[in-house]
Amino acid sequence: MSDARVAMDRMYRYQRHIYDLTRKFYLLGRDRLLDEMDVQAGESVLEVGCGTGRNLIVLAEKYPASRFYGLDAAEVMLETAQAKIDAKDLTENIILRRELAEDLDYRKTFNLDEPFDTIFFSYSITMIPTWRQAIQAALDNLKPGRSIYIVDFWDQKDLPVWFQTILKNWLKQFHVQFWHNLMPHLENLEKQNLGKLSVTPIARRYAFLARFEKVK
């Protein structure tokens, strides 16, 4: 078993029981991301770093004619997610797999014949050390002309310095890393004509919502 999987299981062994209750107060923009997705009947949507399955359940209840998939490195989080999915009777709509983000392969991981219509990261990029590879894997597993969405912490530069310091020190406890070269990396992908990037700041750059539409 990889070190990353072991670390995730260790960190979330107990946190998973209070995760949804506590995170709703500071994971800003998650619902906005879900609202902005244009999901059509029969389409397949993947969340990378699905955690407790909260986002997937919201989407599956909203779009019952579509299929949703969740990927996570932590077995304990997937156990919690599966229990919630079972309780909601959504086992036909949501499929979960344990895998590292950079190892995603729609054929091998989910036994699918086609790439995904939409892939999204909700506050997971800042917890993926191999985030560049994770983004590339998402692009490789996405249909042409479709989009990757990312919502996550930004640089908070429009917020007071004392707030930035407290937030970043607190988030370190949860292995959250602020990748200062993330946005330049996304912009560079656009410059390489791999897709079109749009970025919306949330709460004075507390967070951001990015959409990267892959070239057709």
N, C-alpha and C. Protein backbone atom coordinates (compact mmCIF):
# COMPACT_ATOMS: atom_id res chain seq x y z
N MET A 1 0.85 -1.20 0.00
CA MET A 1 0.00 0.00 0.00
C MET A 1 0.88 1.25 0.00
N SER A 2 0.53 2.26 -0.80
CA SER A 2 1.35 3.45 -0.91
C SER A 2 1.31 4.27 0.37
N ASP A 3 2.36 5.08 0.58
CA ASP A 3 2.43 5.95 1.76
C ASP A 3 1.26 6.94 1.78
N ALA A 4 0.87 7.42 0.59
CA ALA A 4 -0.21 8.40 0.52
C ALA A 4 -1.52 7.80 1.02
N ARG A 5 -1.80 6.58 0.66
CA ARG A 5 -3.04 5.94 1.10
C ARG A 5 -3.03 5.70 2.61
N VAL A 6 -1.88 5.27 3.12
CA VAL A 6 -1.76 5.04 4.56
C VAL A 6 -1.96 6.34 5.33
N ALA A 7 -1.34 7.42 4.84
CA ALA A 7 -1.46 8.72 5.50
C ALA A 7 -2.89 9.22 5.51
N MET A 8 -3.60 9.05 4.40
CA MET A 8 -4.99 9.49 4.34
C MET A 8 -5.88 8.69 5.28
N ASP A 9 -5.66 7.40 5.34
CA ASP A 9 -6.45 6.57 6.26
C ASP A 9 -6.20 6.97 7.70
N ARG A 10 -4.94 7.24 8.02
CA ARG A 10 -4.59 7.62 9.39
C ARG A 10 -5.24 8.96 9.76
N MET A 11 -5.20 9.92 8.84
CA MET A 11 -5.71 11.25 9.14
C MET A 11 -7.24 11.25 9.30
N TYR A 12 -7.92 10.45 8.47
CA TYR A 12 -9.38 10.51 8.47
C TYR A 12 -10.06 9.39 9.26
N ARG A 13 -9.28 8.59 9.95
CA ARG A 13 -9.87 7.47 10.69
C ARG A 13 -10.97 7.95 11.64
N TYR A 14 -10.74 9.08 12.30
CA TYR A 14 -11.73 9.62 13.23
C TYR A 14 -12.42 10.86 12.69
N GLN A 15 -11.67 11.65 11.89
CA GLN A 15 -12.25 12.88 11.34
C GLN A 15 -13.48 12.63 10.48
N ARG A 16 -13.52 11.48 9.83
CA ARG A 16 -14.63 11.21 8.90
C ARG A 16 -15.99 11.30 9.57
N HIS A 17 -16.02 11.05 10.89
CA HIS A 17 -17.30 11.04 11.61
C HIS A 17 -17.85 12.45 11.85
N ILE A 18 -16.98 13.46 11.78
CA ILE A 18 -17.43 14.84 11.99
C ILE A 18 -17.11 15.72 10.79
N TYR A 19 -16.63 15.10 9.72
CA TYR A 19 -16.13 15.85 8.57
C TYR A 19 -17.20 16.78 7.99
N ASP A 20 -18.34 16.25 7.63
CA ASP A 20 -19.38 17.07 6.98
C ASP A 20 -19.89 18.17 7.88
N LEU A 21 -20.00 17.89 9.16
CA LEU A 21 -20.52 18.88 10.10
C LEU A 21 -19.58 20.05 10.25
N THR A 22 -18.27 19.79 10.30
CA THR A 22 -17.31 20.86 10.54
C THR A 22 -16.90 21.58 9.26
N ARG A 23 -16.77 20.87 8.16
CA ARG A 23 -16.24 21.49 6.94
C ARG A 23 -17.20 22.47 6.28
N LYS A 24 -18.47 22.33 6.55
CA LYS A 24 -19.43 23.20 5.86
C LYS A 24 -19.23 24.68 6.20
N PHE A 25 -18.53 24.96 7.30
CA PHE A 25 -18.35 26.34 7.72
C PHE A 25 -17.19 27.05 7.00
N TYR A 26 -16.28 26.28 6.39
CA TYR A 26 -15.16 26.97 5.76
C TYR A 26 -14.78 26.46 4.36
N LEU A 27 -15.44 25.46 3.87
CA LEU A 27 -15.19 25.03 2.49
C LEU A 27 -16.15 25.79 1.57
N LEU A 28 -15.87 27.05 1.43
CA LEU A 28 -16.75 27.95 0.69
C LEU A 28 -16.71 27.67 -0.81
N GLY A 29 -17.86 27.76 -1.45
CA GLY A 29 -17.93 27.62 -2.90
C GLY A 29 -18.28 26.24 -3.40
N ARG A 30 -18.39 25.26 -2.50
CA ARG A 30 -18.70 23.89 -2.96
C ARG A 30 -20.06 23.83 -3.64
N ASP A 31 -21.05 24.41 -3.02
CA ASP A 31 -22.39 24.35 -3.61
C ASP A 31 -22.49 25.18 -4.87
N ARG A 32 -21.73 26.26 -4.94
CA ARG A 32 -21.71 27.06 -6.16
C ARG A 32 -21.15 26.24 -7.31
N LEU A 33 -20.11 25.48 -7.03
CA LEU A 33 -19.53 24.60 -8.05
C LEU A 33 -20.57 23.61 -8.56
N LEU A 34 -21.28 22.98 -7.63
CA LEU A 34 -22.29 21.99 -8.01
C LEU A 34 -23.41 22.63 -8.82
N ASP A 35 -23.77 23.85 -8.47
CA ASP A 35 -24.84 24.55 -9.19
C ASP A 35 -24.42 24.92 -10.61
N GLU A 36 -23.13 25.20 -10.79
CA GLU A 36 -22.67 25.67 -12.10
C GLU A 36 -22.42 24.54 -13.09
N MET A 37 -22.38 23.32 -12.61
CA MET A 37 -22.19 22.19 -13.51
C MET A 37 -23.43 21.98 -14.37
N ASP A 38 -23.20 21.76 -15.65
CA ASP A 38 -24.30 21.49 -16.57
C ASP A 38 -24.31 19.99 -16.85
N VAL A 39 -25.06 19.26 -16.05
CA VAL A 39 -25.09 17.80 -16.16
C VAL A 39 -26.34 17.37 -16.93
N GLN A 40 -26.13 16.63 -18.00
CA GLN A 40 -27.24 16.16 -18.83
C GLN A 40 -27.51 14.69 -18.55
N ALA A 41 -28.71 14.26 -18.86
CA ALA A 41 -29.10 12.86 -18.65
C ALA A 41 -28.14 11.92 -19.38
N GLY A 42 -27.73 10.89 -18.68
CA GLY A 42 -26.86 9.89 -19.27
C GLY A 42 -25.38 10.20 -19.20
N GLU A 43 -25.02 11.38 -18.73
CA GLU A 43 -23.62 11.76 -18.65
C GLU A 43 -22.94 11.15 -17.41
N SER A 44 -21.61 11.09 -17.47
CA SER A 44 -20.83 10.56 -16.36
C SER A 44 -19.99 11.67 -15.75
N VAL A 45 -20.05 11.77 -14.41
CA VAL A 45 -19.36 12.83 -13.68
C VAL A 45 -18.49 12.19 -12.61
N LEU A 46 -17.24 12.63 -12.52
CA LEU A 46 -16.30 12.10 -11.54
C LEU A 46 -15.86 13.17 -10.57
N GLU A 47 -15.84 12.83 -9.27
CA GLU A 47 -15.22 13.69 -8.27
C GLU A 47 -13.92 13.03 -7.82
N VAL A 48 -12.83 13.77 -7.94
CA VAL A 48 -11.52 13.30 -7.49
C VAL A 48 -11.30 13.80 -6.07
N GLY A 49 -11.16 12.86 -5.13
CA GLY A 49 -11.09 13.23 -3.73
C GLY A 49 -12.49 13.42 -3.17
N CYS A 50 -13.32 12.39 -3.32
CA CYS A 50 -14.75 12.53 -3.00
C CYS A 50 -15.05 12.49 -1.51
N GLY A 51 -14.09 12.08 -0.68
CA GLY A 51 -14.31 12.10 0.77
C GLY A 51 -15.51 11.31 1.21
N THR A 52 -16.38 11.96 1.96
CA THR A 52 -17.55 11.30 2.53
C THR A 52 -18.71 11.16 1.53
N GLY A 53 -18.51 11.60 0.31
CA GLY A 53 -19.55 11.45 -0.71
C GLY A 53 -20.61 12.53 -0.70
N ARG A 54 -20.41 13.54 0.10
CA ARG A 54 -21.43 14.60 0.25
C ARG A 54 -21.80 15.23 -1.09
N ASN A 55 -20.81 15.63 -1.88
CA ASN A 55 -21.08 16.29 -3.15
C ASN A 55 -21.75 15.35 -4.16
N LEU A 56 -21.30 14.13 -4.20
CA LEU A 56 -21.86 13.16 -5.14
C LEU A 56 -23.33 12.87 -4.84
N ILE A 57 -23.66 12.81 -3.57
CA ILE A 57 -25.06 12.57 -3.18
C ILE A 57 -25.94 13.74 -3.60
N VAL A 58 -25.45 14.97 -3.40
CA VAL A 58 -26.21 16.15 -3.84
C VAL A 58 -26.48 16.08 -5.33
N LEU A 59 -25.45 15.75 -6.11
CA LEU A 59 -25.60 15.70 -7.56
C LEU A 59 -26.50 14.55 -8.00
N ALA A 60 -26.33 13.40 -7.39
CA ALA A 60 -27.14 12.23 -7.78
C ALA A 60 -28.61 12.45 -7.50
N GLU A 61 -28.92 13.15 -6.43
CA GLU A 61 -30.33 13.44 -6.12
C GLU A 61 -30.89 14.49 -7.09
N LYS A 62 -30.03 15.37 -7.56
CA LYS A 62 -30.46 16.43 -8.47
C LYS A 62 -30.58 15.93 -9.90
N TYR A 63 -29.70 14.99 -10.27
CA TYR A 63 -29.68 14.47 -11.64
C TYR A 63 -29.77 12.94 -11.61
N PRO A 64 -30.93 12.39 -11.34
CA PRO A 64 -31.08 10.94 -11.19
C PRO A 64 -30.85 10.14 -12.47
N ALA A 65 -30.86 10.81 -13.62
CA ALA A 65 -30.67 10.11 -14.89
C ALA A 65 -29.21 10.07 -15.32
N SER A 66 -28.30 10.56 -14.47
CA SER A 66 -26.88 10.58 -14.79
C SER A 66 -26.13 9.63 -13.86
N ARG A 67 -24.86 9.37 -14.19
CA ARG A 67 -24.05 8.46 -13.39
C ARG A 67 -22.91 9.23 -12.76
N PHE A 68 -22.64 8.94 -11.48
CA PHE A 68 -21.62 9.66 -10.74
C PHE A 68 -20.60 8.69 -10.17
N TYR A 69 -19.35 9.16 -10.15
CA TYR A 69 -18.23 8.33 -9.73
C TYR A 69 -17.38 9.10 -8.74
N GLY A 70 -16.84 8.38 -7.76
CA GLY A 70 -16.01 9.01 -6.76
C GLY A 70 -14.70 8.28 -6.59
N LEU A 71 -13.63 9.05 -6.46
CA LEU A 71 -12.29 8.51 -6.30
C LEU A 71 -11.69 9.10 -5.04
N ASP A 72 -11.07 8.26 -4.22
CA ASP A 72 -10.40 8.77 -3.02
C ASP A 72 -9.28 7.83 -2.63
N ALA A 73 -8.25 8.39 -1.97
CA ALA A 73 -7.12 7.58 -1.53
C ALA A 73 -7.37 6.94 -0.18
N ALA A 74 -8.35 7.45 0.57
CA ALA A 74 -8.61 6.98 1.93
C ALA A 74 -9.73 5.94 1.96
N GLU A 75 -9.40 4.74 2.34
CA GLU A 75 -10.40 3.68 2.44
C GLU A 75 -11.46 4.01 3.48
N VAL A 76 -11.03 4.63 4.59
CA VAL A 76 -11.99 4.93 5.66
C VAL A 76 -13.02 5.96 5.20
N MET A 77 -12.60 6.91 4.37
CA MET A 77 -13.56 7.89 3.85
C MET A 77 -14.53 7.23 2.89
N LEU A 78 -14.05 6.31 2.08
CA LEU A 78 -14.92 5.61 1.15
C LEU A 78 -15.93 4.73 1.89
N GLU A 79 -15.52 4.18 3.02
CA GLU A 79 -16.45 3.38 3.82
C GLU A 79 -17.60 4.25 4.32
N THR A 80 -17.25 5.46 4.79
CA THR A 80 -18.28 6.39 5.25
C THR A 80 -19.17 6.82 4.09
N ALA A 81 -18.56 7.13 2.95
CA ALA A 81 -19.32 7.55 1.77
C ALA A 81 -20.27 6.45 1.32
N GLN A 82 -19.80 5.22 1.29
CA GLN A 82 -20.64 4.12 0.82
C GLN A 82 -21.82 3.90 1.75
N ALA A 83 -21.60 4.05 3.05
CA ALA A 83 -22.70 3.89 4.01
C ALA A 83 -23.77 4.96 3.77
N LYS A 84 -23.35 6.18 3.48
CA LYS A 84 -24.30 7.26 3.22
C LYS A 84 -25.04 7.03 1.90
N ILE A 85 -24.31 6.55 0.91
CA ILE A 85 -24.93 6.26 -0.39
C ILE A 85 -25.96 5.15 -0.25
N ASP A 86 -25.62 4.12 0.50
CA ASP A 86 -26.54 3.00 0.72
C ASP A 86 -27.80 3.49 1.44
N ALA A 87 -27.61 4.36 2.43
CA ALA A 87 -28.75 4.87 3.21
C ALA A 87 -29.69 5.70 2.35
N LYS A 88 -29.13 6.34 1.31
CA LYS A 88 -29.94 7.17 0.41
C LYS A 88 -30.48 6.37 -0.78
N ASP A 89 -30.14 5.09 -0.83
CA ASP A 89 -30.56 4.21 -1.92
C ASP A 89 -30.08 4.75 -3.26
N LEU A 90 -28.79 5.12 -3.30
CA LEU A 90 -28.21 5.68 -4.52
C LEU A 90 -27.09 4.79 -5.07
N THR A 91 -27.12 3.54 -4.73
CA THR A 91 -26.04 2.64 -5.16
C THR A 91 -26.01 2.43 -6.67
N GLU A 92 -27.14 2.65 -7.34
CA GLU A 92 -27.17 2.50 -8.79
C GLU A 92 -26.67 3.76 -9.49
N ASN A 93 -26.62 4.87 -8.75
CA ASN A 93 -26.23 6.15 -9.34
C ASN A 93 -24.79 6.55 -9.05
N ILE A 94 -24.22 6.02 -7.97
CA ILE A 94 -22.88 6.44 -7.54
C ILE A 94 -21.98 5.22 -7.35
N ILE A 95 -20.82 5.27 -7.98
CA ILE A 95 -19.84 4.19 -7.85
C ILE A 95 -18.54 4.77 -7.30
N LEU A 96 -17.98 4.12 -6.29
CA LEU A 96 -16.76 4.59 -5.64
C LEU A 96 -15.60 3.64 -5.90
N ARG A 97 -14.40 4.20 -5.96
CA ARG A 97 -13.19 3.40 -6.09
C ARG A 97 -12.05 4.04 -5.28
N ARG A 98 -11.20 3.19 -4.75
CA ARG A 98 -10.00 3.68 -4.08
C ARG A 98 -8.86 3.73 -5.07
N GLU A 99 -8.30 4.92 -5.26
CA GLU A 99 -7.22 5.10 -6.22
C GLU A 99 -6.55 6.44 -5.97
N LEU A 100 -5.29 6.55 -6.28
CA LEU A 100 -4.61 7.85 -6.23
C LEU A 100 -5.03 8.66 -7.46
N ALA A 101 -5.13 9.97 -7.28
CA ALA A 101 -5.63 10.83 -8.36
C ALA A 101 -4.80 10.70 -9.62
N GLU A 102 -3.49 10.60 -9.48
CA GLU A 102 -2.62 10.55 -10.65
C GLU A 102 -2.69 9.21 -11.38
N ASP A 103 -3.27 8.19 -10.74
CA ASP A 103 -3.37 6.87 -11.35
C ASP A 103 -4.73 6.61 -11.99
N LEU A 104 -5.56 7.64 -12.06
CA LEU A 104 -6.89 7.50 -12.64
C LEU A 104 -6.81 7.00 -14.09
N ASP A 105 -7.63 6.02 -14.39
CA ASP A 105 -7.79 5.52 -15.76
C ASP A 105 -9.24 5.05 -15.87
N TYR A 106 -10.02 5.75 -16.68
CA TYR A 106 -11.46 5.44 -16.72
C TYR A 106 -11.74 3.99 -17.08
N ARG A 107 -10.86 3.37 -17.86
CA ARG A 107 -11.05 1.96 -18.24
C ARG A 107 -10.75 1.04 -17.06
N LYS A 108 -9.54 1.18 -16.50
CA LYS A 108 -9.10 0.28 -15.45
C LYS A 108 -9.76 0.57 -14.10
N THR A 109 -9.90 1.86 -13.79
CA THR A 109 -10.43 2.22 -12.48
C THR A 109 -11.92 1.95 -12.36
N PHE A 110 -12.68 2.29 -13.40
CA PHE A 110 -14.13 2.18 -13.33
C PHE A 110 -14.73 1.26 -14.40
N ASN A 111 -13.88 0.66 -15.21
CA ASN A 111 -14.36 -0.25 -16.25
C ASN A 111 -15.34 0.43 -17.20
N LEU A 112 -15.03 1.66 -17.59
CA LEU A 112 -15.87 2.42 -18.50
C LEU A 112 -15.33 2.34 -19.93
N ASP A 113 -16.21 2.55 -20.88
CA ASP A 113 -15.83 2.51 -22.29
C ASP A 113 -15.45 3.89 -22.82
N GLU A 114 -15.90 4.94 -22.13
CA GLU A 114 -15.65 6.30 -22.60
C GLU A 114 -15.13 7.16 -21.45
N PRO A 115 -14.39 8.22 -21.77
CA PRO A 115 -13.94 9.17 -20.74
C PRO A 115 -15.13 9.87 -20.10
N PHE A 116 -14.86 10.63 -19.05
CA PHE A 116 -15.91 11.32 -18.31
C PHE A 116 -16.36 12.59 -19.04
N ASP A 117 -17.61 12.97 -18.77
CA ASP A 117 -18.14 14.22 -19.32
C ASP A 117 -17.72 15.42 -18.47
N THR A 118 -17.58 15.20 -17.18
CA THR A 118 -17.17 16.25 -16.25
C THR A 118 -16.34 15.62 -15.14
N ILE A 119 -15.28 16.33 -14.73
CA ILE A 119 -14.46 15.91 -13.60
C ILE A 119 -14.29 17.12 -12.69
N PHE A 120 -14.43 16.90 -11.38
CA PHE A 120 -14.24 18.04 -10.48
C PHE A 120 -13.45 17.67 -9.23
N PHE A 121 -12.76 18.70 -8.71
CA PHE A 121 -11.99 18.61 -7.47
C PHE A 121 -12.59 19.63 -6.50
N SER A 122 -13.10 19.17 -5.39
CA SER A 122 -13.67 20.07 -4.39
C SER A 122 -12.82 20.03 -3.13
N TYR A 123 -11.98 21.03 -2.98
CA TYR A 123 -11.07 21.14 -1.84
C TYR A 123 -10.22 19.88 -1.66
N SER A 124 -9.77 19.35 -2.78
CA SER A 124 -8.87 18.20 -2.73
C SER A 124 -7.51 18.48 -3.34
N ILE A 125 -7.44 19.44 -4.28
CA ILE A 125 -6.17 19.77 -4.92
C ILE A 125 -5.11 20.17 -3.90
N THR A 126 -5.49 20.94 -2.89
CA THR A 126 -4.53 21.40 -1.88
C THR A 126 -4.08 20.29 -0.95
N MET A 127 -4.62 19.09 -1.12
CA MET A 127 -4.20 17.96 -0.31
C MET A 127 -3.54 16.86 -1.15
N ILE A 128 -3.29 17.17 -2.41
CA ILE A 128 -2.67 16.19 -3.31
C ILE A 128 -1.25 16.65 -3.65
N PRO A 129 -0.22 16.04 -3.06
CA PRO A 129 1.16 16.46 -3.36
C PRO A 129 1.49 16.37 -4.84
N THR A 130 0.92 15.39 -5.52
CA THR A 130 1.17 15.20 -6.95
C THR A 130 0.07 15.88 -7.77
N TRP A 131 -0.25 17.11 -7.43
CA TRP A 131 -1.40 17.79 -8.03
C TRP A 131 -1.22 18.01 -9.54
N ARG A 132 -0.01 18.24 -9.99
CA ARG A 132 0.20 18.41 -11.44
C ARG A 132 -0.20 17.15 -12.19
N GLN A 133 0.27 16.01 -11.69
CA GLN A 133 -0.07 14.74 -12.31
C GLN A 133 -1.56 14.45 -12.20
N ALA A 134 -2.17 14.87 -11.09
CA ALA A 134 -3.60 14.66 -10.91
C ALA A 134 -4.40 15.44 -11.94
N ILE A 135 -4.00 16.68 -12.19
CA ILE A 135 -4.69 17.49 -13.20
C ILE A 135 -4.49 16.90 -14.59
N GLN A 136 -3.28 16.43 -14.88
CA GLN A 136 -3.03 15.82 -16.18
C GLN A 136 -3.86 14.56 -16.36
N ALA A 137 -3.95 13.75 -15.30
CA ALA A 137 -4.76 12.53 -15.38
C ALA A 137 -6.22 12.87 -15.64
N ALA A 138 -6.70 13.94 -15.01
CA ALA A 138 -8.07 14.37 -15.23
C ALA A 138 -8.29 14.77 -16.68
N LEU A 139 -7.35 15.52 -17.24
CA LEU A 139 -7.45 15.91 -18.64
C LEU A 139 -7.44 14.69 -19.56
N ASP A 140 -6.60 13.73 -19.23
CA ASP A 140 -6.48 12.53 -20.06
C ASP A 140 -7.75 11.67 -20.00
N ASN A 141 -8.52 11.82 -18.94
CA ASN A 141 -9.73 11.01 -18.75
C ASN A 141 -11.01 11.80 -18.98
N LEU A 142 -10.90 12.92 -19.67
CA LEU A 142 -12.03 13.80 -19.95
C LEU A 142 -12.31 13.87 -21.44
N LYS A 143 -13.57 13.87 -21.81
CA LYS A 143 -13.92 13.99 -23.22
C LYS A 143 -13.53 15.37 -23.76
N PRO A 144 -13.15 15.46 -25.03
CA PRO A 144 -12.86 16.76 -25.64
C PRO A 144 -14.08 17.69 -25.55
N GLY A 145 -13.81 18.95 -25.30
CA GLY A 145 -14.88 19.93 -25.23
C GLY A 145 -15.59 19.97 -23.89
N ARG A 146 -15.22 19.11 -22.96
CA ARG A 146 -15.85 19.09 -21.64
C ARG A 146 -14.93 19.72 -20.60
N SER A 147 -15.41 19.84 -19.37
CA SER A 147 -14.72 20.67 -18.40
C SER A 147 -14.28 19.96 -17.12
N ILE A 148 -13.16 20.48 -16.58
CA ILE A 148 -12.70 20.16 -15.24
C ILE A 148 -13.02 21.36 -14.36
N TYR A 149 -13.58 21.11 -13.19
CA TYR A 149 -13.87 22.18 -12.23
C TYR A 149 -13.00 21.98 -10.99
N ILE A 150 -12.51 23.09 -10.46
CA ILE A 150 -11.74 23.04 -9.22
C ILE A 150 -12.22 24.15 -8.30
N VAL A 151 -12.59 23.81 -7.09
CA VAL A 151 -12.86 24.81 -6.06
C VAL A 151 -11.92 24.50 -4.90
N ASP A 152 -11.22 25.54 -4.42
CA ASP A 152 -10.23 25.29 -3.36
C ASP A 152 -9.76 26.62 -2.77
N PHE A 153 -8.94 26.52 -1.75
CA PHE A 153 -8.37 27.71 -1.13
C PHE A 153 -7.48 28.44 -2.12
N TRP A 154 -7.54 29.81 -2.05
CA TRP A 154 -6.67 30.60 -2.89
C TRP A 154 -5.62 31.29 -2.02
N ASP A 155 -5.19 32.50 -2.40
CA ASP A 155 -4.09 33.15 -1.68
C ASP A 155 -4.55 34.11 -0.58
N GLN A 156 -5.86 34.39 -0.49
CA GLN A 156 -6.43 35.28 0.54
C GLN A 156 -5.78 36.67 0.55
N LYS A 157 -5.23 37.10 -0.55
CA LYS A 157 -4.46 38.35 -0.54
C LYS A 157 -5.33 39.58 -0.30
N ASP A 158 -6.63 39.46 -0.50
CA ASP A 158 -7.52 40.59 -0.23
C ASP A 158 -8.09 40.56 1.18
N LEU A 159 -7.62 39.63 1.98
CA LEU A 159 -8.05 39.51 3.38
C LEU A 159 -6.92 39.95 4.31
N PRO A 160 -7.22 40.30 5.56
CA PRO A 160 -6.18 40.76 6.49
C PRO A 160 -5.07 39.74 6.67
N VAL A 161 -3.85 40.22 6.87
CA VAL A 161 -2.70 39.34 7.03
C VAL A 161 -2.86 38.42 8.22
N TRP A 162 -3.42 38.95 9.31
CA TRP A 162 -3.58 38.12 10.51
C TRP A 162 -4.52 36.94 10.23
N PHE A 163 -5.54 37.20 9.40
CA PHE A 163 -6.46 36.12 9.05
C PHE A 163 -5.75 35.06 8.20
N GLN A 164 -4.96 35.51 7.22
CA GLN A 164 -4.22 34.58 6.38
C GLN A 164 -3.32 33.68 7.22
N THR A 165 -2.64 34.28 8.19
CA THR A 165 -1.69 33.53 9.02
C THR A 165 -2.41 32.48 9.86
N ILE A 166 -3.50 32.88 10.49
CA ILE A 166 -4.26 31.95 11.32
C ILE A 166 -4.82 30.80 10.48
N LEU A 167 -5.39 31.15 9.33
CA LEU A 167 -6.00 30.13 8.47
C LEU A 167 -4.96 29.11 8.01
N LYS A 168 -3.83 29.59 7.50
CA LYS A 168 -2.82 28.69 6.96
C LYS A 168 -2.21 27.81 8.04
N ASN A 169 -1.96 28.38 9.21
CA ASN A 169 -1.40 27.58 10.31
C ASN A 169 -2.39 26.51 10.77
N TRP A 170 -3.66 26.87 10.80
CA TRP A 170 -4.68 25.91 11.23
C TRP A 170 -4.83 24.79 10.21
N LEU A 171 -4.83 25.15 8.93
CA LEU A 171 -5.04 24.14 7.88
C LEU A 171 -3.86 23.19 7.75
N LYS A 172 -2.68 23.60 8.22
CA LYS A 172 -1.53 22.70 8.19
C LYS A 172 -1.79 21.44 9.00
N GLN A 173 -2.65 21.55 10.02
CA GLN A 173 -2.98 20.39 10.83
C GLN A 173 -3.67 19.30 10.00
N PHE A 174 -4.29 19.73 8.90
CA PHE A 174 -5.02 18.79 8.05
C PHE A 174 -4.27 18.53 6.74
N HIS A 175 -2.97 18.84 6.72
CA HIS A 175 -2.11 18.58 5.57
C HIS A 175 -2.54 19.34 4.32
N VAL A 176 -3.16 20.50 4.51
CA VAL A 176 -3.52 21.35 3.39
C VAL A 176 -2.31 22.18 2.98
N GLN A 177 -1.98 22.16 1.71
CA GLN A 177 -0.85 22.92 1.18
C GLN A 177 -1.35 23.95 0.19
N PHE A 178 -0.82 25.16 0.29
CA PHE A 178 -1.19 26.22 -0.65
C PHE A 178 -0.19 26.21 -1.80
N TRP A 179 -0.61 25.63 -2.91
CA TRP A 179 0.28 25.53 -4.06
C TRP A 179 0.32 26.88 -4.79
N HIS A 180 1.35 27.66 -4.54
CA HIS A 180 1.43 29.00 -5.11
C HIS A 180 1.58 28.98 -6.64
N ASN A 181 2.02 27.86 -7.17
CA ASN A 181 2.18 27.77 -8.63
C ASN A 181 1.02 27.04 -9.30
N LEU A 182 -0.05 26.79 -8.56
CA LEU A 182 -1.21 26.12 -9.14
C LEU A 182 -1.86 26.98 -10.23
N MET A 183 -2.16 28.23 -9.90
CA MET A 183 -2.83 29.08 -10.88
C MET A 183 -1.95 29.33 -12.10
N PRO A 184 -0.65 29.63 -11.93
CA PRO A 184 0.21 29.75 -13.11
C PRO A 184 0.24 28.47 -13.95
N HIS A 185 0.15 27.33 -13.29
CA HIS A 185 0.15 26.06 -14.02
C HIS A 185 -1.11 25.95 -14.88
N LEU A 186 -2.27 26.30 -14.32
CA LEU A 186 -3.52 26.26 -15.09
C LEU A 186 -3.47 27.24 -16.25
N GLU A 187 -2.91 28.42 -15.99
CA GLU A 187 -2.79 29.43 -17.05
C GLU A 187 -1.86 28.95 -18.16
N ASN A 188 -0.82 28.22 -17.76
CA ASN A 188 0.12 27.69 -18.76
C ASN A 188 -0.53 26.62 -19.63
N LEU A 189 -1.41 25.83 -19.03
CA LEU A 189 -2.14 24.84 -19.82
C LEU A 189 -2.99 25.52 -20.89
N GLU A 190 -3.57 26.66 -20.53
CA GLU A 190 -4.34 27.42 -21.51
C GLU A 190 -3.43 27.96 -22.60
N LYS A 191 -2.25 28.46 -22.21
CA LYS A 191 -1.29 28.99 -23.20
C LYS A 191 -0.82 27.92 -24.16
N GLN A 192 -0.83 26.67 -23.69
CA GLN A 192 -0.44 25.55 -24.56
C GLN A 192 -1.60 25.11 -25.47
N ASN A 193 -2.70 25.87 -25.41
CA ASN A 193 -3.89 25.58 -26.22
C ASN A 193 -4.51 24.22 -25.90
N LEU A 194 -4.41 23.84 -24.62
CA LEU A 194 -5.03 22.59 -24.18
C LEU A 194 -6.46 22.80 -23.73
N GLY A 195 -6.85 24.06 -23.54
CA GLY A 195 -8.20 24.35 -23.11
C GLY A 195 -8.36 25.81 -22.76
N LYS A 196 -9.56 26.14 -22.30
CA LYS A 196 -9.88 27.52 -21.93
C LYS A 196 -10.14 27.60 -20.43
N LEU A 197 -9.45 28.53 -19.76
CA LEU A 197 -9.54 28.67 -18.31
C LEU A 197 -10.38 29.89 -17.92
N SER A 198 -11.26 29.69 -16.95
CA SER A 198 -11.97 30.83 -16.33
C SER A 198 -11.88 30.65 -14.82
N VAL A 199 -11.62 31.75 -14.12
CA VAL A 199 -11.43 31.69 -12.66
C VAL A 199 -12.29 32.76 -12.00
N THR A 200 -13.01 32.35 -10.97
CA THR A 200 -13.85 33.27 -10.21
C THR A 200 -13.39 33.28 -8.75
N PRO A 201 -13.02 34.47 -8.22
CA PRO A 201 -12.64 34.53 -6.81
C PRO A 201 -13.86 34.40 -5.90
N ILE A 202 -13.66 33.83 -4.74
CA ILE A 202 -14.73 33.64 -3.76
C ILE A 202 -14.32 34.28 -2.44
N ALA A 203 -15.17 35.13 -1.89
CA ALA A 203 -14.96 35.76 -0.58
C ALA A 203 -13.59 36.42 -0.49
N ARG A 204 -13.35 37.39 -1.38
CA ARG A 204 -12.11 38.16 -1.37
C ARG A 204 -10.87 37.27 -1.48
N ARG A 205 -10.94 36.34 -2.40
CA ARG A 205 -9.84 35.41 -2.72
C ARG A 205 -9.54 34.44 -1.58
N TYR A 206 -10.52 34.26 -0.71
CA TYR A 206 -10.41 33.17 0.28
C TYR A 206 -10.28 31.85 -0.46
N ALA A 207 -11.06 31.73 -1.52
CA ALA A 207 -11.05 30.53 -2.35
C ALA A 207 -11.25 30.94 -3.81
N PHE A 208 -11.21 29.97 -4.69
CA PHE A 208 -11.45 30.23 -6.10
C PHE A 208 -12.26 29.09 -6.69
N LEU A 209 -12.96 29.41 -7.76
CA LEU A 209 -13.66 28.40 -8.55
C LEU A 209 -13.14 28.51 -9.97
N ALA A 210 -12.49 27.45 -10.42
CA ALA A 210 -11.90 27.44 -11.76
C ALA A 210 -12.62 26.43 -12.64
N ARG A 211 -12.74 26.79 -13.89
CA ARG A 211 -13.27 25.86 -14.89
C ARG A 211 -12.29 25.80 -16.05
N PHE A 212 -11.87 24.60 -16.40
CA PHE A 212 -10.95 24.42 -17.52
C PHE A 212 -11.64 23.56 -18.56
N GLU A 213 -12.01 24.19 -19.67
CA GLU A 213 -12.70 23.49 -20.75
C GLU A 213 -11.68 22.93 -21.73
N LYS A 214 -11.63 21.63 -21.85
CA LYS A 214 -10.67 20.96 -22.72
C LYS A 214 -10.98 21.24 -24.18
N VAL A 215 -9.95 21.38 -24.98
CA VAL A 215 -10.15 21.66 -26.41
C VAL A 215 -10.89 20.49 -27.06
N LYS A 216 -11.64 20.81 -28.09
CA LYS A 216 -12.40 19.78 -28.81
C LYS A 216 -11.51 19.05 -29.80
